[in-house]
């Protein structure tokens, strides 16, 4: 209703000075719509003379225009069309999957980047197919494996083979004045998710 009122307001404002020459009942209804803070929707809908088609027809006859009603309908249909398009696009929901790499589980979507334990024998740019898929689904549907989803796999590309941040191992034996601090950087692989296949 707010969009309709805004569209009607802009349409009537374009009519310009023709409103000052209008006569009741159309002018009363228009004045109530365009007045300060406007009239409540209940008052407007209860008015006998407040018919959008009648108001626009009256203004068109005063200004010599013939397409005010068509312009008004086009202006209020544009937001509805945009809403419908958004609804259709949102129905194409992205998929996600839970895969196992190196004994750990990762929830991934397409174009995600995950850091896992190093994949032995793989180089940067290699394509790998992960068939250890525990779960596949969208926001409305879920397919759970027992324990793996049959014929499902996730395609990944190795983007980087590197070392992770340093991990510190600290050991202390109390009352023995014995402490030891060591650092360690494990090898990791950076993987980019390219596709998810439900099987």
N, C-alpha and C. Protein backbone atom coordinates (compact mmCIF):
# COMPACT_ATOMS: atom_id res chain seq x y z
N UNK A 1 0.83 -1.20 0.00
CA UNK A 1 0.00 0.00 0.00
C UNK A 1 0.87 1.26 0.00
N UNK A 2 1.99 1.23 0.72
CA UNK A 2 2.87 2.39 0.75
C UNK A 2 3.44 2.66 -0.64
N UNK A 3 3.78 1.59 -1.39
CA UNK A 3 4.30 1.77 -2.73
C UNK A 3 3.23 2.36 -3.65
N UNK A 4 1.99 1.92 -3.50
CA UNK A 4 0.90 2.45 -4.31
C UNK A 4 0.69 3.93 -4.01
N UNK A 5 0.71 4.29 -2.70
CA UNK A 5 0.52 5.69 -2.33
C UNK A 5 1.66 6.55 -2.86
N UNK A 6 2.89 6.04 -2.79
CA UNK A 6 4.03 6.81 -3.30
C UNK A 6 3.94 7.00 -4.81
N UNK A 7 3.53 5.95 -5.51
CA UNK A 7 3.39 6.06 -6.96
C UNK A 7 2.30 7.04 -7.33
N UNK A 8 1.18 6.98 -6.59
CA UNK A 8 0.09 7.93 -6.86
C UNK A 8 0.52 9.35 -6.57
N UNK A 9 1.28 9.54 -5.50
CA UNK A 9 1.75 10.88 -5.15
C UNK A 9 2.62 11.46 -6.27
N UNK A 10 3.59 10.66 -6.77
CA UNK A 10 4.46 11.16 -7.83
C UNK A 10 3.68 11.43 -9.12
N UNK A 11 2.67 10.58 -9.39
CA UNK A 11 1.87 10.79 -10.60
C UNK A 11 1.06 12.08 -10.51
N UNK A 12 0.49 12.34 -9.33
CA UNK A 12 -0.33 13.54 -9.16
C UNK A 12 0.53 14.80 -9.13
N UNK A 13 1.73 14.69 -8.58
CA UNK A 13 2.60 15.87 -8.54
C UNK A 13 2.99 16.28 -9.96
N UNK A 14 3.17 15.29 -10.85
CA UNK A 14 3.51 15.61 -12.23
C UNK A 14 2.37 16.35 -12.94
N UNK A 15 1.17 16.21 -12.39
CA UNK A 15 0.05 16.92 -13.00
C UNK A 15 0.16 18.42 -12.82
N UNK A 16 0.92 18.85 -11.80
CA UNK A 16 1.23 20.27 -11.62
C UNK A 16 0.04 21.10 -11.20
N UNK A 17 -0.08 22.23 -11.85
CA UNK A 17 -1.07 23.22 -11.45
C UNK A 17 -2.50 22.79 -11.75
N UNK A 18 -2.69 21.68 -12.43
CA UNK A 18 -4.05 21.25 -12.76
C UNK A 18 -4.85 20.94 -11.51
N UNK A 19 -4.15 20.61 -10.41
CA UNK A 19 -4.88 20.29 -9.19
C UNK A 19 -5.62 21.52 -8.64
N UNK A 20 -5.04 22.71 -8.86
CA UNK A 20 -5.70 23.90 -8.33
C UNK A 20 -6.99 24.21 -9.08
N UNK A 21 -7.11 23.75 -10.33
CA UNK A 21 -8.32 23.99 -11.11
C UNK A 21 -9.35 22.88 -10.94
N UNK A 22 -8.95 21.77 -10.26
CA UNK A 22 -9.89 20.67 -10.10
C UNK A 22 -10.98 21.05 -9.12
N UNK A 23 -12.07 20.36 -9.21
CA UNK A 23 -13.21 20.64 -8.33
C UNK A 23 -13.59 19.36 -7.61
N UNK A 24 -14.26 19.49 -6.46
CA UNK A 24 -14.71 18.29 -5.75
C UNK A 24 -15.60 17.47 -6.67
N UNK A 25 -15.65 16.13 -6.47
CA UNK A 25 -15.03 15.43 -5.35
C UNK A 25 -13.58 15.01 -5.58
N UNK A 26 -13.09 15.07 -6.83
CA UNK A 26 -11.74 14.58 -7.11
C UNK A 26 -10.70 15.39 -6.35
N UNK A 27 -10.85 16.72 -6.32
CA UNK A 27 -9.87 17.55 -5.68
C UNK A 27 -9.79 17.27 -4.18
N UNK A 28 -10.94 17.01 -3.55
CA UNK A 28 -10.94 16.71 -2.11
C UNK A 28 -10.15 15.44 -1.82
N UNK A 29 -10.38 14.44 -2.65
CA UNK A 29 -9.66 13.19 -2.44
C UNK A 29 -8.17 13.37 -2.68
N UNK A 30 -7.81 14.12 -3.76
CA UNK A 30 -6.40 14.36 -4.06
C UNK A 30 -5.75 15.18 -2.98
N UNK A 31 -6.46 16.22 -2.51
CA UNK A 31 -5.91 17.05 -1.46
C UNK A 31 -5.69 16.25 -0.19
N UNK A 32 -6.59 15.33 0.09
CA UNK A 32 -6.41 14.50 1.27
C UNK A 32 -5.20 13.58 1.14
N UNK A 33 -4.95 13.07 -0.09
CA UNK A 33 -3.81 12.18 -0.30
C UNK A 33 -2.51 12.94 -0.22
N UNK A 34 -2.47 14.15 -0.84
CA UNK A 34 -1.23 14.91 -0.91
C UNK A 34 -1.04 15.85 0.26
N UNK A 35 -1.99 15.92 1.17
CA UNK A 35 -1.89 16.84 2.28
C UNK A 35 -0.80 16.45 3.25
N UNK A 36 -0.57 17.32 4.24
CA UNK A 36 0.47 17.05 5.22
C UNK A 36 0.14 15.78 5.99
N UNK A 37 1.11 14.87 6.02
CA UNK A 37 0.97 13.58 6.69
C UNK A 37 -0.08 12.70 6.04
N UNK A 38 -0.80 13.20 5.04
CA UNK A 38 -1.82 12.47 4.29
C UNK A 38 -2.94 11.99 5.20
N UNK A 39 -3.99 11.49 4.59
CA UNK A 39 -5.12 10.94 5.32
C UNK A 39 -4.86 9.46 5.54
N UNK A 40 -5.39 8.92 6.62
CA UNK A 40 -5.17 7.50 6.88
C UNK A 40 -5.76 6.65 5.78
N UNK A 41 -5.21 5.45 5.60
CA UNK A 41 -5.69 4.58 4.54
C UNK A 41 -7.15 4.20 4.75
N UNK A 42 -7.58 4.11 6.02
CA UNK A 42 -8.97 3.80 6.28
C UNK A 42 -9.91 4.89 5.81
N UNK A 43 -9.51 6.17 6.03
CA UNK A 43 -10.34 7.28 5.58
C UNK A 43 -10.38 7.35 4.05
N UNK A 44 -9.25 7.09 3.43
CA UNK A 44 -9.22 7.16 1.97
C UNK A 44 -10.08 6.07 1.36
N UNK A 45 -9.95 4.85 1.90
CA UNK A 45 -10.71 3.74 1.32
C UNK A 45 -12.20 3.88 1.57
N UNK A 46 -12.59 4.60 2.65
CA UNK A 46 -14.00 4.74 2.96
C UNK A 46 -14.66 5.88 2.18
N UNK A 47 -13.84 6.73 1.55
CA UNK A 47 -14.40 7.85 0.80
C UNK A 47 -15.04 7.35 -0.49
N UNK A 48 -16.27 7.81 -0.77
CA UNK A 48 -16.96 7.37 -1.98
C UNK A 48 -16.25 7.85 -3.24
N UNK A 49 -15.74 9.09 -3.17
CA UNK A 49 -15.16 9.68 -4.37
C UNK A 49 -13.70 9.30 -4.57
N UNK A 50 -13.08 8.64 -3.57
CA UNK A 50 -11.65 8.33 -3.68
C UNK A 50 -11.47 7.03 -4.44
N UNK A 51 -11.61 7.12 -5.74
CA UNK A 51 -11.34 6.00 -6.63
C UNK A 51 -10.17 6.40 -7.51
N UNK A 52 -9.10 5.61 -7.51
CA UNK A 52 -7.89 5.99 -8.23
C UNK A 52 -8.17 6.25 -9.71
N UNK A 53 -9.01 5.39 -10.28
CA UNK A 53 -9.31 5.57 -11.71
C UNK A 53 -10.06 6.87 -11.95
N UNK A 54 -11.03 7.19 -11.05
CA UNK A 54 -11.79 8.43 -11.22
C UNK A 54 -10.90 9.66 -11.04
N UNK A 55 -10.01 9.60 -10.03
CA UNK A 55 -9.12 10.75 -9.78
C UNK A 55 -8.22 10.99 -10.98
N UNK A 56 -7.60 9.92 -11.48
CA UNK A 56 -6.68 10.06 -12.59
C UNK A 56 -7.41 10.49 -13.86
N UNK A 57 -8.65 10.01 -14.04
CA UNK A 57 -9.42 10.42 -15.21
C UNK A 57 -9.75 11.91 -15.14
N UNK A 58 -10.10 12.39 -13.94
CA UNK A 58 -10.43 13.81 -13.78
C UNK A 58 -9.22 14.68 -14.08
N UNK A 59 -8.06 14.29 -13.55
CA UNK A 59 -6.85 15.08 -13.79
C UNK A 59 -6.47 15.04 -15.25
N UNK A 60 -6.62 13.88 -15.89
CA UNK A 60 -6.29 13.77 -17.31
C UNK A 60 -7.16 14.70 -18.15
N UNK A 61 -8.45 14.78 -17.80
CA UNK A 61 -9.34 15.66 -18.56
C UNK A 61 -8.97 17.12 -18.37
N UNK A 62 -8.46 17.47 -17.16
CA UNK A 62 -8.08 18.87 -16.90
C UNK A 62 -6.80 19.23 -17.63
N UNK A 63 -5.86 18.30 -17.70
CA UNK A 63 -4.55 18.59 -18.29
C UNK A 63 -4.47 18.21 -19.75
N UNK A 64 -5.48 17.52 -20.28
CA UNK A 64 -5.42 17.09 -21.66
C UNK A 64 -4.61 15.83 -21.87
N UNK A 65 -4.16 15.18 -20.78
CA UNK A 65 -3.39 13.96 -20.90
C UNK A 65 -4.29 12.75 -20.90
N UNK A 66 -3.87 11.72 -21.59
CA UNK A 66 -4.69 10.53 -21.71
C UNK A 66 -4.05 9.29 -21.10
N UNK A 67 -2.81 9.41 -20.62
CA UNK A 67 -2.09 8.22 -20.18
C UNK A 67 -1.70 8.26 -18.71
N UNK A 68 -2.33 9.11 -17.91
CA UNK A 68 -1.98 9.15 -16.49
C UNK A 68 -2.31 7.83 -15.81
N UNK A 69 -3.46 7.26 -16.15
CA UNK A 69 -3.86 6.00 -15.55
C UNK A 69 -2.90 4.88 -15.94
N UNK A 70 -2.49 4.86 -17.22
CA UNK A 70 -1.54 3.84 -17.67
C UNK A 70 -0.19 4.02 -16.99
N UNK A 71 0.26 5.28 -16.83
CA UNK A 71 1.54 5.53 -16.17
C UNK A 71 1.49 5.10 -14.71
N UNK A 72 0.35 5.35 -14.08
CA UNK A 72 0.22 4.96 -12.68
C UNK A 72 0.29 3.45 -12.52
N UNK A 73 -0.44 2.72 -13.39
CA UNK A 73 -0.41 1.26 -13.31
C UNK A 73 0.98 0.72 -13.60
N UNK A 74 1.69 1.34 -14.54
CA UNK A 74 3.05 0.88 -14.86
C UNK A 74 3.99 1.13 -13.68
N UNK A 75 3.79 2.29 -12.99
CA UNK A 75 4.68 2.62 -11.88
C UNK A 75 4.49 1.70 -10.68
N UNK A 76 3.25 1.23 -10.45
CA UNK A 76 3.04 0.33 -9.30
C UNK A 76 3.33 -1.11 -9.66
N UNK A 77 3.39 -1.43 -10.97
CA UNK A 77 3.69 -2.81 -11.35
C UNK A 77 5.18 -3.08 -11.37
N UNK A 78 6.02 -2.04 -11.46
CA UNK A 78 7.46 -2.24 -11.50
C UNK A 78 8.00 -2.86 -10.23
N UNK A 79 7.65 -2.34 -9.02
CA UNK A 79 8.16 -3.02 -7.82
C UNK A 79 7.66 -4.44 -7.68
N UNK A 80 6.43 -4.72 -8.13
CA UNK A 80 5.90 -6.09 -8.04
C UNK A 80 6.68 -7.01 -8.95
N UNK A 81 7.05 -6.52 -10.14
CA UNK A 81 7.83 -7.34 -11.08
C UNK A 81 9.20 -7.64 -10.52
N UNK A 82 9.82 -6.62 -9.91
CA UNK A 82 11.14 -6.85 -9.33
C UNK A 82 11.07 -7.86 -8.20
N UNK A 83 10.02 -7.80 -7.39
CA UNK A 83 9.87 -8.76 -6.29
C UNK A 83 9.70 -10.17 -6.83
N UNK A 84 8.93 -10.35 -7.90
CA UNK A 84 8.73 -11.67 -8.47
C UNK A 84 10.04 -12.23 -9.02
N UNK A 85 10.86 -11.39 -9.68
CA UNK A 85 12.13 -11.84 -10.21
C UNK A 85 13.05 -12.30 -9.09
N UNK A 86 13.07 -11.53 -7.98
CA UNK A 86 13.92 -11.91 -6.86
C UNK A 86 13.48 -13.23 -6.27
N UNK A 87 12.16 -13.45 -6.22
CA UNK A 87 11.67 -14.71 -5.66
C UNK A 87 12.09 -15.89 -6.51
N UNK A 88 12.05 -15.76 -7.82
CA UNK A 88 12.44 -16.86 -8.70
C UNK A 88 13.93 -17.13 -8.58
N UNK A 89 14.75 -16.07 -8.50
CA UNK A 89 16.19 -16.27 -8.40
C UNK A 89 16.57 -16.92 -7.08
N UNK A 90 15.85 -16.58 -5.99
CA UNK A 90 16.19 -17.16 -4.71
C UNK A 90 15.85 -18.64 -4.63
N UNK A 91 14.99 -19.14 -5.56
CA UNK A 91 14.66 -20.55 -5.54
C UNK A 91 15.85 -21.41 -5.99
N UNK A 92 16.80 -20.82 -6.74
CA UNK A 92 18.00 -21.54 -7.13
C UNK A 92 18.98 -21.50 -5.98
N UNK A 93 18.80 -22.40 -5.04
CA UNK A 93 19.56 -22.33 -3.80
C UNK A 93 20.91 -23.01 -3.98
N UNK A 94 21.98 -22.42 -3.42
CA UNK A 94 23.30 -23.03 -3.51
C UNK A 94 23.38 -24.29 -2.65
N UNK A 95 24.20 -25.23 -3.09
CA UNK A 95 24.38 -26.48 -2.36
C UNK A 95 25.57 -26.37 -1.43
N UNK A 96 25.53 -27.19 -0.39
CA UNK A 96 26.68 -27.30 0.51
C UNK A 96 26.91 -28.78 0.77
N UNK A 97 28.09 -29.09 1.25
CA UNK A 97 28.46 -30.48 1.52
C UNK A 97 29.39 -30.53 2.72
N UNK A 98 29.40 -31.69 3.35
CA UNK A 98 30.33 -31.96 4.45
C UNK A 98 31.25 -33.08 3.98
N UNK A 99 32.54 -32.75 3.87
CA UNK A 99 33.52 -33.72 3.38
C UNK A 99 34.55 -34.02 4.46
N UNK A 100 35.24 -35.14 4.26
CA UNK A 100 36.29 -35.57 5.20
C UNK A 100 37.62 -35.47 4.48
N UNK A 101 38.55 -34.71 5.06
CA UNK A 101 39.91 -34.57 4.52
C UNK A 101 40.88 -34.67 5.68
N UNK A 102 41.75 -35.69 5.62
CA UNK A 102 42.75 -35.83 6.68
C UNK A 102 42.15 -36.13 8.04
N UNK A 103 41.01 -36.83 8.06
CA UNK A 103 40.38 -37.17 9.33
C UNK A 103 39.56 -36.06 9.95
N UNK A 104 39.40 -34.93 9.25
CA UNK A 104 38.62 -33.82 9.77
C UNK A 104 37.47 -33.52 8.81
N UNK A 105 36.40 -32.98 9.36
CA UNK A 105 35.22 -32.68 8.57
C UNK A 105 35.17 -31.18 8.26
N UNK A 106 34.77 -30.88 7.02
CA UNK A 106 34.67 -29.49 6.56
C UNK A 106 33.34 -29.30 5.85
N UNK A 107 32.64 -28.24 6.25
CA UNK A 107 31.43 -27.85 5.54
C UNK A 107 31.82 -26.85 4.45
N UNK A 108 31.51 -27.16 3.19
CA UNK A 108 31.98 -26.36 2.07
C UNK A 108 30.83 -26.03 1.13
N UNK A 109 30.99 -24.92 0.42
CA UNK A 109 30.12 -24.52 -0.69
C UNK A 109 31.01 -24.23 -1.89
N UNK A 110 30.40 -24.02 -3.04
CA UNK A 110 31.17 -23.70 -4.22
C UNK A 110 31.91 -22.38 -4.04
N UNK A 111 33.15 -22.34 -4.53
CA UNK A 111 34.04 -21.17 -4.47
C UNK A 111 34.61 -20.94 -3.07
N UNK A 112 34.35 -21.84 -2.12
CA UNK A 112 34.97 -21.72 -0.81
C UNK A 112 36.43 -22.15 -0.88
N UNK A 113 37.22 -21.65 0.05
CA UNK A 113 38.63 -22.02 0.16
C UNK A 113 38.86 -22.57 1.56
N UNK A 114 39.40 -23.79 1.65
CA UNK A 114 39.66 -24.42 2.94
C UNK A 114 41.13 -24.78 3.04
N UNK A 115 41.61 -24.84 4.27
CA UNK A 115 43.00 -25.21 4.53
C UNK A 115 42.98 -26.54 5.27
N UNK A 116 43.61 -27.55 4.69
CA UNK A 116 43.61 -28.89 5.26
C UNK A 116 45.05 -29.36 5.43
N UNK A 117 45.19 -30.55 5.98
CA UNK A 117 46.50 -31.17 6.03
C UNK A 117 47.01 -31.40 4.61
N UNK A 118 48.31 -31.42 4.46
CA UNK A 118 48.90 -31.49 3.13
C UNK A 118 48.47 -32.75 2.40
N UNK A 119 48.07 -32.55 1.13
CA UNK A 119 47.74 -33.69 0.27
C UNK A 119 49.03 -34.16 -0.39
N UNK A 120 49.45 -35.34 -0.04
CA UNK A 120 50.72 -35.87 -0.55
C UNK A 120 50.61 -36.18 -2.03
N UNK A 121 51.67 -35.88 -2.77
CA UNK A 121 51.72 -36.19 -4.19
C UNK A 121 50.94 -35.23 -5.07
N UNK A 122 50.44 -34.12 -4.53
CA UNK A 122 49.67 -33.15 -5.31
C UNK A 122 50.46 -31.86 -5.46
N UNK A 123 50.33 -31.25 -6.63
CA UNK A 123 51.00 -29.98 -6.90
C UNK A 123 49.98 -28.87 -7.08
N UNK A 124 50.47 -27.65 -7.07
CA UNK A 124 49.59 -26.50 -7.24
C UNK A 124 48.95 -26.56 -8.63
N UNK A 125 47.63 -26.41 -8.68
CA UNK A 125 46.89 -26.46 -9.93
C UNK A 125 46.27 -27.81 -10.22
N UNK A 126 46.64 -28.84 -9.45
CA UNK A 126 46.06 -30.16 -9.68
C UNK A 126 44.60 -30.18 -9.26
N UNK A 127 43.78 -30.93 -10.01
CA UNK A 127 42.37 -31.11 -9.68
C UNK A 127 42.20 -32.43 -8.95
N UNK A 128 41.45 -32.37 -7.85
CA UNK A 128 41.26 -33.55 -7.00
C UNK A 128 39.76 -33.75 -6.79
N UNK A 129 39.34 -35.01 -6.80
CA UNK A 129 37.94 -35.36 -6.54
C UNK A 129 37.84 -35.98 -5.15
N UNK A 130 37.07 -35.33 -4.29
CA UNK A 130 36.86 -35.82 -2.91
C UNK A 130 35.57 -36.62 -2.86
N UNK A 131 35.69 -37.93 -2.60
CA UNK A 131 34.50 -38.78 -2.57
C UNK A 131 34.06 -39.12 -1.15
N UNK A 132 34.76 -38.60 -0.16
CA UNK A 132 34.35 -38.82 1.23
C UNK A 132 33.33 -37.74 1.62
N UNK A 133 32.12 -37.89 1.13
CA UNK A 133 31.06 -36.90 1.36
C UNK A 133 30.06 -37.47 2.36
N UNK A 134 29.93 -36.81 3.50
CA UNK A 134 29.02 -37.27 4.55
C UNK A 134 27.60 -36.74 4.38
N UNK A 135 27.49 -35.55 3.79
CA UNK A 135 26.17 -34.89 3.73
C UNK A 135 26.17 -33.91 2.57
N UNK A 136 25.02 -33.80 1.91
CA UNK A 136 24.81 -32.81 0.85
C UNK A 136 23.41 -32.22 1.04
N UNK A 137 23.29 -30.92 0.83
CA UNK A 137 21.96 -30.33 0.99
C UNK A 137 21.92 -28.87 0.60
N UNK A 138 20.70 -28.32 0.72
CA UNK A 138 20.44 -26.90 0.53
C UNK A 138 19.72 -26.41 1.78
N UNK A 139 19.19 -25.19 1.70
CA UNK A 139 18.47 -24.64 2.85
C UNK A 139 17.12 -25.32 3.07
N UNK A 140 16.62 -26.07 2.07
CA UNK A 140 15.32 -26.72 2.20
C UNK A 140 15.38 -28.24 2.12
N UNK A 141 16.52 -28.81 1.72
CA UNK A 141 16.61 -30.25 1.53
C UNK A 141 17.98 -30.74 1.96
N UNK A 142 18.01 -31.92 2.57
CA UNK A 142 19.27 -32.48 3.06
C UNK A 142 19.32 -33.96 2.71
N UNK A 143 20.49 -34.40 2.24
CA UNK A 143 20.72 -35.79 1.90
C UNK A 143 21.86 -36.31 2.76
N UNK A 144 21.56 -37.23 3.66
CA UNK A 144 22.51 -37.72 4.64
C UNK A 144 23.02 -39.09 4.23
N UNK A 145 24.35 -39.26 4.31
CA UNK A 145 24.96 -40.53 3.94
C UNK A 145 24.97 -41.52 5.08
N UNK A 146 25.20 -42.78 4.75
CA UNK A 146 25.20 -43.85 5.75
C UNK A 146 26.40 -44.79 5.55
N UNK A 147 27.62 -44.41 5.84
CA UNK A 147 28.01 -43.08 6.34
C UNK A 147 28.29 -42.07 5.24
N UNK A 148 28.45 -42.53 3.97
CA UNK A 148 28.76 -41.64 2.86
C UNK A 148 27.59 -41.55 1.90
N UNK A 149 27.48 -40.41 1.24
CA UNK A 149 26.44 -40.22 0.23
C UNK A 149 26.88 -40.94 -1.04
N UNK A 150 26.03 -41.81 -1.54
CA UNK A 150 26.37 -42.66 -2.68
C UNK A 150 26.55 -41.82 -3.94
N UNK A 151 27.68 -42.06 -4.63
CA UNK A 151 28.00 -41.43 -5.91
C UNK A 151 28.19 -39.92 -5.82
N UNK A 152 28.31 -39.38 -4.62
CA UNK A 152 28.53 -37.94 -4.47
C UNK A 152 30.02 -37.66 -4.34
N UNK A 153 30.43 -36.53 -4.90
CA UNK A 153 31.83 -36.13 -4.79
C UNK A 153 31.94 -34.61 -4.95
N UNK A 154 33.07 -34.10 -4.48
CA UNK A 154 33.34 -32.66 -4.53
C UNK A 154 34.65 -32.45 -5.28
N UNK A 155 34.62 -31.56 -6.25
CA UNK A 155 35.81 -31.25 -7.03
C UNK A 155 36.52 -30.05 -6.43
N UNK A 156 37.84 -30.20 -6.25
CA UNK A 156 38.64 -29.13 -5.67
C UNK A 156 39.89 -28.93 -6.53
N UNK A 157 40.50 -27.77 -6.37
CA UNK A 157 41.75 -27.44 -7.04
C UNK A 157 42.76 -27.02 -5.98
N UNK A 158 43.96 -27.56 -6.05
CA UNK A 158 45.01 -27.21 -5.10
C UNK A 158 45.55 -25.83 -5.46
N UNK A 159 45.34 -24.87 -4.58
CA UNK A 159 45.80 -23.51 -4.85
C UNK A 159 47.18 -23.23 -4.27
N UNK A 160 47.49 -23.90 -3.15
CA UNK A 160 48.77 -23.59 -2.50
C UNK A 160 49.20 -24.75 -1.62
N UNK A 161 50.50 -25.03 -1.61
CA UNK A 161 51.12 -25.96 -0.68
C UNK A 161 52.11 -25.16 0.16
N UNK A 162 51.82 -25.04 1.44
CA UNK A 162 52.63 -24.15 2.26
C UNK A 162 52.70 -24.67 3.69
N UNK A 163 53.20 -23.83 4.57
CA UNK A 163 53.27 -24.15 6.00
C UNK A 163 52.30 -23.26 6.76
N UNK A 164 51.66 -23.81 7.76
CA UNK A 164 50.70 -23.03 8.55
C UNK A 164 51.45 -22.17 9.57
N UNK A 165 50.69 -21.42 10.34
CA UNK A 165 51.29 -20.64 11.42
C UNK A 165 51.96 -21.55 12.45
N UNK A 166 52.93 -21.02 13.11
CA UNK A 166 53.72 -21.83 14.03
C UNK A 166 52.88 -22.25 15.24
N UNK A 167 53.03 -23.52 15.59
CA UNK A 167 52.42 -24.06 16.79
C UNK A 167 53.50 -24.23 17.84
N UNK A 168 53.19 -23.87 19.09
CA UNK A 168 54.17 -23.92 20.17
C UNK A 168 53.84 -25.09 21.10
N UNK A 169 54.89 -25.85 21.44
CA UNK A 169 54.75 -26.97 22.38
C UNK A 169 55.57 -26.63 23.61
N UNK A 170 54.86 -26.46 24.72
CA UNK A 170 55.52 -26.07 25.97
C UNK A 170 55.33 -27.17 27.00
N UNK A 171 56.45 -27.61 27.58
CA UNK A 171 56.40 -28.64 28.62
C UNK A 171 57.10 -28.12 29.87
N UNK A 172 56.51 -28.47 31.00
CA UNK A 172 57.08 -28.04 32.27
C UNK A 172 56.93 -29.15 33.30
N UNK A 173 58.00 -29.38 34.04
CA UNK A 173 57.94 -30.33 35.16
C UNK A 173 58.04 -29.51 36.44
N UNK A 174 56.98 -29.51 37.19
CA UNK A 174 56.92 -28.65 38.36
C UNK A 174 57.95 -29.08 39.42
N UNK A 175 58.46 -28.10 40.10
CA UNK A 175 59.44 -28.24 41.19
C UNK A 175 60.74 -28.89 40.72
N UNK A 176 60.97 -28.96 39.42
CA UNK A 176 62.21 -29.54 38.90
C UNK A 176 63.03 -28.53 38.11
N UNK A 177 62.55 -27.32 38.06
CA UNK A 177 63.23 -26.27 37.28
C UNK A 177 63.48 -26.74 35.84
N UNK A 178 62.44 -27.37 35.27
CA UNK A 178 62.56 -27.93 33.94
C UNK A 178 61.45 -27.38 33.04
N UNK A 179 61.84 -26.71 31.98
CA UNK A 179 60.89 -26.16 30.99
C UNK A 179 61.45 -26.38 29.59
N UNK A 180 60.52 -26.57 28.64
CA UNK A 180 60.95 -26.73 27.27
C UNK A 180 59.92 -26.12 26.33
N UNK A 181 60.38 -25.31 25.39
CA UNK A 181 59.52 -24.64 24.41
C UNK A 181 60.03 -24.95 23.01
N UNK A 182 59.17 -25.49 22.20
CA UNK A 182 59.52 -25.81 20.82
C UNK A 182 58.44 -25.25 19.88
N UNK A 183 58.86 -24.93 18.68
CA UNK A 183 57.93 -24.46 17.66
C UNK A 183 57.85 -25.43 16.50
N UNK A 184 56.68 -25.45 15.86
CA UNK A 184 56.47 -26.41 14.78
C UNK A 184 55.48 -25.82 13.79
N UNK A 185 55.79 -25.91 12.49
CA UNK A 185 54.90 -25.42 11.43
C UNK A 185 54.51 -26.59 10.54
N UNK A 186 53.29 -27.10 10.69
CA UNK A 186 52.88 -28.25 9.87
C UNK A 186 52.62 -27.85 8.42
N UNK A 187 52.79 -28.81 7.52
CA UNK A 187 52.51 -28.59 6.10
C UNK A 187 51.00 -28.66 5.86
N UNK A 188 50.49 -27.72 5.08
CA UNK A 188 49.05 -27.66 4.80
C UNK A 188 48.85 -27.42 3.31
N UNK A 189 47.63 -27.69 2.86
CA UNK A 189 47.22 -27.44 1.48
C UNK A 189 46.02 -26.51 1.48
N UNK A 190 46.02 -25.55 0.58
CA UNK A 190 44.89 -24.65 0.40
C UNK A 190 44.09 -25.13 -0.79
N UNK A 191 42.83 -25.47 -0.56
CA UNK A 191 41.98 -26.06 -1.60
C UNK A 191 40.81 -25.12 -1.93
N UNK A 192 40.52 -25.01 -3.22
CA UNK A 192 39.40 -24.22 -3.70
C UNK A 192 38.31 -25.16 -4.20
N UNK A 193 37.09 -25.00 -3.68
CA UNK A 193 35.96 -25.84 -4.08
C UNK A 193 35.41 -25.33 -5.41
N UNK A 194 35.41 -26.18 -6.42
CA UNK A 194 34.94 -25.78 -7.75
C UNK A 194 33.55 -26.29 -8.08
N UNK A 195 33.19 -27.47 -7.58
CA UNK A 195 31.87 -28.03 -7.91
C UNK A 195 31.47 -29.06 -6.87
N UNK A 196 30.16 -29.19 -6.66
CA UNK A 196 29.59 -30.20 -5.76
C UNK A 196 28.60 -31.02 -6.56
N UNK A 197 28.81 -32.32 -6.58
CA UNK A 197 27.95 -33.24 -7.34
C UNK A 197 27.21 -34.14 -6.35
N UNK A 198 25.88 -34.12 -6.47
CA UNK A 198 25.07 -34.90 -5.52
C UNK A 198 25.04 -36.38 -5.87
N UNK A 199 25.41 -36.75 -7.09
CA UNK A 199 25.45 -38.16 -7.45
C UNK A 199 24.12 -38.70 -7.93
